[in-house]
Amino acid sequence: MSAKKRVFVAGHRGMVGSAIVRQLEKDPSVELLLRTRAGLDLVNQQAVAEFFAQESIDQVYLAAAKVGGIVANNTYPADFIYENLMIESNIIHSAHAAGVEKLLFLGSSCIYPKLARQPMAESALLTGVLEPTNEPYAIAKIAGIKLCESYNRQYGRDYRSVMPTNLYGENDNFHPQNSHVIPALMRRFHEAKRAGDAEVAVWGSGKPMREFLHVDDMAAASVHVMNLPLEVYQSCTEPMLSHINVGTGEDSTIRELAETMAKVVGYTGRVVFDASKPDGTPRKLMDVSRLADLGWSYSIKLEQGLAATYEWFLANQDSFRG
């Protein structure tokens, strides 16, 4: 029998990392290597270097990151750029130093310019000004892509990058102030149903369009991209443009999202839109043609994914912060 692949998932307790763990647990050829923050501080360069030197690691999924919404990004920009730069630098360099050949870095769609042409193709990277509210975080994620590309070019490593669209699902953040649109709406509709509120107000006109991907699909795409033969992966990328968008290639209006959320939660009151509140970017959609060429497409439809997420929400709501 051949030895199992030792796979380190950095950030295994987060929404994306935990989904990757669930995906990899299905593979009997994989031996998972996991560390909590208490067991391994990823911001500590020496600790990370010693960890990689001591463990015989075959693959790394770099899903660890400091993340947050607009308020958190605006309030703590130094923390966001410093911690994310340190985490990815420590892991990528230590993986190289320990001879790890394969690594997958998980980024974010915020790497693209604020006014990028829709749908956003990988070639849009570094072609315009970033969204100011999360620029430090975006710059750290861009640096992670370039770290992978640079170690590939200089040392012949096989370090890949995937850029997900807006994600949701199990282990999401349902904080009333710091969460993203899907968990925020889910909690709001749930609490309105429980309180018997006659209406729920949603910020903005409801016209902006957004793309959403269930985190289990993101995990499946990540494993798919990681395990592609190198020549297949390189056939859809370039040395200086090696990241791959991950999404559905489809979007919906915020109005459609809110109405679907009300249906899933079972809220029967009125859904109203407060047009005095900002809409944000009119549209954010990923071009996923590269990923399609690599043989992967999503499988979890939005209503199906929201229903599964709401089931998880109901089972875990007592543990939520805020």
Protein backbone atom coordinates (compact mmCIF):
# COMPACT_ATOMS: atom_id res chain seq x y z
CA MET A 1 0.00 0.00 0.00
CA SER A 2 1.22 3.49 -0.79
CA ALA A 3 1.62 5.98 2.04
CA LYS A 4 -1.14 8.49 2.60
CA LYS A 5 -0.72 12.11 1.49
CA ARG A 6 -0.13 14.31 4.52
CA VAL A 7 -2.24 17.41 3.96
CA PHE A 8 -2.06 20.53 6.13
CA VAL A 9 -5.19 22.71 6.10
CA ALA A 10 -4.30 26.10 7.56
CA GLY A 11 -7.40 27.76 8.97
CA HIS A 12 -9.38 24.54 9.39
CA ARG A 13 -11.85 26.06 11.85
CA GLY A 14 -12.97 28.83 9.50
CA MET A 15 -15.87 28.58 7.07
CA VAL A 16 -13.73 27.67 4.05
CA GLY A 17 -11.10 25.63 5.88
CA SER A 18 -13.69 23.51 7.66
CA ALA A 19 -15.44 22.82 4.33
CA ILE A 20 -12.13 21.72 2.81
CA VAL A 21 -11.61 19.39 5.76
CA ARG A 22 -15.07 17.88 5.22
CA GLN A 23 -14.20 17.36 1.56
CA LEU A 24 -10.81 15.78 2.25
CA GLU A 25 -12.20 13.48 4.95
CA LYS A 26 -13.97 11.60 2.14
CA ASP A 27 -10.61 10.65 0.60
CA PRO A 28 -9.02 7.57 2.23
CA SER A 29 -5.65 8.43 0.68
CA VAL A 30 -5.41 11.64 2.74
CA GLU A 31 -4.01 12.06 6.25
CA LEU A 32 -5.14 15.42 7.58
CA LEU A 33 -2.76 17.60 9.57
CA LEU A 34 -4.58 20.27 11.59
CA ARG A 35 -3.49 22.83 14.18
CA THR A 36 -5.54 25.29 16.22
CA ARG A 37 -4.32 28.84 16.79
CA ALA A 38 -3.28 27.82 20.31
CA GLY A 39 -1.20 24.98 18.85
CA LEU A 40 0.39 26.98 16.04
CA ASP A 41 0.46 30.78 15.74
CA LEU A 42 0.64 31.35 11.98
CA VAL A 43 1.82 34.94 12.47
CA ASN A 44 4.91 33.63 14.31
CA GLN A 45 7.61 33.03 11.69
CA GLN A 46 9.78 30.77 13.85
CA ALA A 47 6.85 28.63 15.00
CA VAL A 48 5.65 28.10 11.41
CA ALA A 49 9.16 27.30 10.18
CA GLU A 50 9.68 24.74 12.95
CA PHE A 51 6.29 23.16 12.27
CA PHE A 52 7.05 22.62 8.58
CA ALA A 53 10.56 21.36 9.35
CA GLN A 54 9.20 18.76 11.79
CA GLU A 55 6.28 17.47 9.71
CA SER A 56 6.52 15.64 6.39
CA ILE A 57 3.82 17.57 4.50
CA ASP A 58 2.80 16.76 0.94
CA GLN A 59 0.13 19.40 0.31
CA VAL A 60 -1.00 22.67 1.91
CA TYR A 61 -4.39 24.38 1.67
CA LEU A 62 -3.81 27.97 2.81
CA ALA A 63 -7.29 28.98 3.97
CA ALA A 64 -6.18 30.85 7.09
CA ALA A 65 -6.78 34.60 7.08
CA LYS A 66 -7.95 37.51 9.17
CA VAL A 67 -11.34 38.37 7.68
CA GLY A 68 -14.18 40.78 8.40
CA GLY A 69 -16.79 43.08 6.94
CA ILE A 70 -16.56 46.71 5.87
CA VAL A 71 -16.63 48.09 9.44
CA ALA A 72 -13.84 45.79 10.62
CA ASN A 73 -11.70 46.48 7.53
CA ASN A 74 -12.15 50.23 7.96
CA THR A 75 -11.45 50.16 11.70
CA TYR A 76 -8.43 47.83 11.75
CA PRO A 77 -6.62 48.25 8.39
CA ALA A 78 -3.15 47.74 9.91
CA ASP A 79 -4.22 44.49 11.57
CA PHE A 80 -5.73 43.19 8.33
CA ILE A 81 -2.72 43.87 6.12
CA TYR A 82 -0.10 42.83 8.70
CA GLU A 83 -1.67 39.57 9.87
CA ASN A 84 -2.60 38.39 6.39
CA LEU A 85 0.82 39.23 4.95
CA MET A 86 2.54 37.42 7.81
CA ILE A 87 0.32 34.31 7.63
CA GLU A 88 0.78 33.79 3.90
CA SER A 89 4.47 34.72 3.87
CA ASN A 90 5.28 32.39 6.75
CA ILE A 91 3.36 29.44 5.32
CA ILE A 92 4.45 29.80 1.68
CA HIS A 93 8.13 30.34 2.49
CA SER A 94 8.23 27.61 5.14
CA ALA A 95 6.49 25.19 2.77
CA HIS A 96 9.15 25.91 0.16
CA ALA A 97 11.99 25.58 2.69
CA ALA A 98 10.61 22.20 3.79
CA GLY A 99 10.35 20.94 0.22
CA VAL A 100 6.56 20.98 -0.04
CA GLU A 101 5.81 20.83 -3.77
CA LYS A 102 2.05 21.52 -3.80
CA LEU A 103 0.17 24.38 -2.16
CA LEU A 104 -3.18 26.06 -2.81
CA PHE A 105 -3.65 29.67 -1.72
CA LEU A 106 -7.20 30.93 -1.22
CA GLY A 107 -7.75 34.58 -2.02
CA SER A 108 -10.78 36.79 -2.55
CA SER A 109 -12.64 38.53 -5.35
CA CYS A 110 -11.78 41.86 -3.68
CA ILE A 111 -8.38 41.65 -5.42
CA TYR A 112 -10.02 43.10 -8.53
CA PRO A 113 -10.39 46.83 -9.21
CA LYS A 114 -13.48 48.55 -7.85
CA LEU A 115 -14.66 49.37 -11.37
CA ALA A 116 -13.52 46.17 -13.07
CA ARG A 117 -15.37 45.18 -16.20
CA GLN A 118 -18.12 42.61 -15.58
CA PRO A 119 -17.84 39.67 -15.39
CA MET A 120 -14.42 39.98 -13.75
CA ALA A 121 -11.77 37.94 -15.54
CA GLU A 122 -8.42 36.94 -14.03
CA SER A 123 -6.74 39.42 -16.40
CA ALA A 124 -8.40 42.32 -14.53
CA LEU A 125 -5.87 41.96 -11.70
CA LEU A 126 -3.78 45.15 -11.16
CA THR A 127 -5.58 47.07 -13.90
CA GLY A 128 -7.26 49.68 -11.68
CA VAL A 129 -7.91 51.17 -8.25
CA LEU A 130 -9.12 48.87 -5.48
CA GLU A 131 -12.18 49.41 -3.31
CA PRO A 132 -10.83 51.76 -0.57
CA THR A 133 -12.69 50.16 2.35
CA ASN A 134 -10.86 46.83 2.08
CA GLU A 135 -7.72 47.86 0.17
CA PRO A 136 -5.25 46.62 2.86
CA TYR A 137 -6.88 43.18 2.88
CA ALA A 138 -6.98 43.07 -0.93
CA ILE A 139 -3.32 44.04 -1.21
CA ALA A 140 -2.39 41.22 1.17
CA LYS A 141 -4.33 38.75 -0.98
CA ILE A 142 -2.66 40.05 -4.16
CA ALA A 143 0.70 39.59 -2.44
CA GLY A 144 -0.24 35.97 -1.73
CA ILE A 145 -0.90 35.34 -5.42
CA LYS A 146 2.43 36.92 -6.34
CA LEU A 147 4.26 34.93 -3.66
CA CYS A 148 2.98 31.71 -5.21
CA GLU A 149 3.90 32.87 -8.71
CA SER A 150 7.37 33.94 -7.57
CA TYR A 151 8.23 30.65 -5.84
CA ASN A 152 7.01 28.83 -8.95
CA ARG A 153 9.19 30.93 -11.24
CA GLN A 154 12.34 30.93 -9.12
CA TYR A 155 12.20 27.48 -7.54
CA GLY A 156 9.91 25.43 -9.78
CA ARG A 157 7.26 24.91 -7.10
CA ASP A 158 3.65 24.03 -7.87
CA TYR A 159 1.84 26.66 -5.80
CA ARG A 160 -1.61 27.57 -7.09
CA SER A 161 -4.20 30.23 -6.22
CA VAL A 162 -7.99 30.30 -6.33
CA MET A 163 -10.15 33.42 -5.97
CA PRO A 164 -13.68 32.72 -4.67
CA THR A 165 -16.73 34.88 -5.18
CA ASN A 166 -19.04 35.68 -2.21
CA LEU A 167 -19.24 32.55 -0.06
CA TYR A 168 -21.85 31.39 2.43
CA GLY A 169 -22.75 28.25 4.34
CA GLU A 170 -21.91 26.27 7.45
CA ASN A 171 -19.63 28.06 9.95
CA ASP A 172 -20.38 31.50 8.48
CA ASN A 173 -20.25 34.60 10.69
CA PHE A 174 -23.77 35.62 11.78
CA HIS A 175 -22.74 38.62 13.89
CA PRO A 176 -25.43 41.34 13.61
CA GLN A 177 -22.94 44.07 12.67
CA ASN A 178 -19.89 42.34 11.18
CA SER A 179 -21.42 39.69 8.92
CA HIS A 180 -21.82 39.68 5.15
CA VAL A 181 -25.13 39.96 3.31
CA ILE A 182 -26.39 36.35 3.40
CA PRO A 183 -25.78 35.63 7.11
CA ALA A 184 -26.97 39.16 8.01
CA LEU A 185 -30.24 38.72 6.10
CA MET A 186 -30.74 35.20 7.42
CA ARG A 187 -30.42 36.31 11.01
CA ARG A 188 -32.62 39.39 10.42
CA PHE A 189 -35.43 37.38 8.79
CA HIS A 190 -35.20 34.68 11.44
CA GLU A 191 -35.47 37.21 14.28
CA ALA A 192 -38.32 39.02 12.51
CA LYS A 193 -40.23 35.75 12.15
CA ARG A 194 -39.67 34.91 15.81
CA ALA A 195 -40.78 38.40 16.91
CA GLY A 196 -43.78 38.49 14.56
CA ASP A 197 -42.58 41.68 12.85
CA ALA A 198 -44.83 42.94 10.06
CA GLU A 199 -41.94 43.90 7.79
CA VAL A 200 -38.22 43.60 7.27
CA ALA A 201 -36.31 46.51 5.75
CA VAL A 202 -33.37 45.71 3.46
CA TRP A 203 -30.75 48.36 2.75
CA GLY A 204 -30.70 49.86 -0.74
CA SER A 205 -32.92 49.60 -3.77
CA GLY A 206 -32.58 45.83 -4.16
CA LYS A 207 -31.24 46.30 -7.70
CA PRO A 208 -27.50 45.54 -7.24
CA MET A 209 -26.48 42.10 -8.49
CA ARG A 210 -24.29 39.68 -6.59
CA GLU A 211 -22.94 36.19 -7.12
CA PHE A 212 -23.01 33.64 -4.30
CA LEU A 213 -21.29 30.25 -3.97
CA HIS A 214 -21.95 27.68 -1.26
CA VAL A 215 -18.79 26.94 0.71
CA ASP A 216 -19.06 23.19 0.05
CA ASP A 217 -18.83 23.93 -3.67
CA MET A 218 -15.81 26.13 -2.96
CA ALA A 219 -14.15 23.26 -1.11
CA ALA A 220 -14.88 20.85 -3.96
CA ALA A 221 -13.43 23.31 -6.47
CA SER A 222 -10.33 23.80 -4.31
CA VAL A 223 -9.61 20.08 -4.13
CA HIS A 224 -10.29 19.76 -7.86
CA VAL A 225 -7.81 22.53 -8.72
CA MET A 226 -5.20 21.23 -6.28
CA ASN A 227 -5.25 17.75 -7.79
CA LEU A 228 -5.17 18.71 -11.47
CA PRO A 229 -2.03 17.54 -13.30
CA LEU A 230 0.39 20.45 -13.57
CA GLU A 231 0.28 20.51 -17.36
CA VAL A 232 -3.53 20.73 -17.29
CA TYR A 233 -3.49 23.58 -14.75
CA GLN A 234 -0.85 25.46 -16.73
CA SER A 235 -2.85 25.05 -19.94
CA CYS A 236 -5.42 27.51 -18.54
CA THR A 237 -3.04 29.92 -16.81
CA GLU A 238 0.06 32.01 -17.45
CA PRO A 239 3.27 32.38 -15.41
CA MET A 240 2.32 35.93 -14.38
CA LEU A 241 -1.44 35.30 -14.27
CA SER A 242 -1.78 31.97 -12.54
CA HIS A 243 -4.83 32.38 -10.32
CA ILE A 244 -8.23 30.85 -11.05
CA ASN A 245 -11.64 32.42 -10.31
CA VAL A 246 -14.13 30.21 -8.47
CA GLY A 247 -17.82 31.01 -8.64
CA THR A 248 -21.10 30.12 -10.28
CA GLY A 249 -20.86 32.52 -13.23
CA GLU A 250 -24.45 33.51 -12.36
CA ASP A 251 -25.83 36.32 -10.21
CA SER A 252 -29.08 37.57 -8.74
CA THR A 253 -30.41 40.89 -7.50
CA ILE A 254 -30.41 41.67 -3.79
CA ARG A 255 -34.21 41.80 -4.10
CA GLU A 256 -34.27 38.22 -5.43
CA LEU A 257 -31.90 37.14 -2.66
CA ALA A 258 -34.06 38.75 0.04
CA GLU A 259 -37.27 37.21 -1.32
CA THR A 260 -35.65 33.77 -1.50
CA MET A 261 -34.31 34.20 2.03
CA ALA A 262 -37.77 35.07 3.34
CA LYS A 263 -39.13 31.91 1.70
CA VAL A 264 -36.37 29.69 3.13
CA VAL A 265 -36.71 31.11 6.65
CA GLY A 266 -40.50 31.03 6.53
CA TYR A 267 -40.99 34.74 7.07
CA THR A 268 -44.41 35.82 5.74
CA GLY A 269 -44.33 39.56 6.42
CA ARG A 270 -43.47 42.33 3.96
CA VAL A 271 -39.98 42.77 2.54
CA VAL A 272 -39.29 46.47 1.91
CA PHE A 273 -36.25 48.22 0.49
CA ASP A 274 -34.79 51.40 1.95
CA ALA A 275 -33.54 53.26 -1.12
CA SER A 276 -32.08 56.01 1.10
CA LYS A 277 -29.33 53.57 2.10
CA PRO A 278 -26.36 52.94 -0.22
CA ASP A 279 -26.46 50.23 -2.87
CA GLY A 280 -22.73 49.74 -3.26
CA THR A 281 -21.25 48.42 -6.49
CA PRO A 282 -24.00 47.80 -9.09
CA ARG A 283 -22.67 44.37 -10.02
CA LYS A 284 -19.96 41.90 -8.96
CA LEU A 285 -19.74 38.77 -11.08
CA MET A 286 -16.81 36.43 -11.68
CA ASP A 287 -15.76 35.14 -15.09
CA VAL A 288 -15.38 31.41 -14.39
CA SER A 289 -14.58 30.27 -17.93
CA ARG A 290 -11.06 29.18 -16.92
CA LEU A 291 -12.47 26.94 -14.20
CA ALA A 292 -15.01 25.50 -16.64
CA ASP A 293 -12.16 24.71 -19.04
CA LEU A 294 -10.52 22.83 -16.17
CA GLY A 295 -13.58 20.61 -15.82
CA TRP A 296 -15.42 22.00 -12.78
CA SER A 297 -18.75 23.76 -12.25
CA TYR A 298 -20.89 24.38 -9.18
CA SER A 299 -23.72 22.05 -8.09
CA ILE A 300 -25.53 23.72 -5.16
CA LYS A 301 -28.29 26.10 -6.28
CA LEU A 302 -28.87 29.22 -4.19
CA GLU A 303 -32.20 28.23 -2.62
CA GLN A 304 -30.89 24.75 -1.85
CA GLY A 305 -27.75 26.18 -0.28
CA LEU A 306 -29.69 28.74 1.76
CA ALA A 307 -31.99 26.02 3.08
CA ALA A 308 -29.03 23.88 4.18
CA THR A 309 -27.38 26.91 5.77
CA TYR A 310 -30.57 27.78 7.65
CA GLU A 311 -30.75 24.26 9.05
CA TRP A 312 -27.19 24.67 10.34
CA PHE A 313 -28.06 28.15 11.68
CA LEU A 314 -31.00 26.75 13.68
CA ALA A 315 -28.84 23.99 15.13
CA ASN A 316 -26.03 26.34 16.15
CA GLN A 317 -27.63 29.72 16.88
CA ASP A 318 -26.99 29.53 20.63
CA SER A 319 -23.24 29.65 19.99
CA PHE A 320 -23.24 32.78 17.80
CA ARG A 321 -21.42 35.88 18.94
CA GLY A 322 -23.34 39.14 19.41
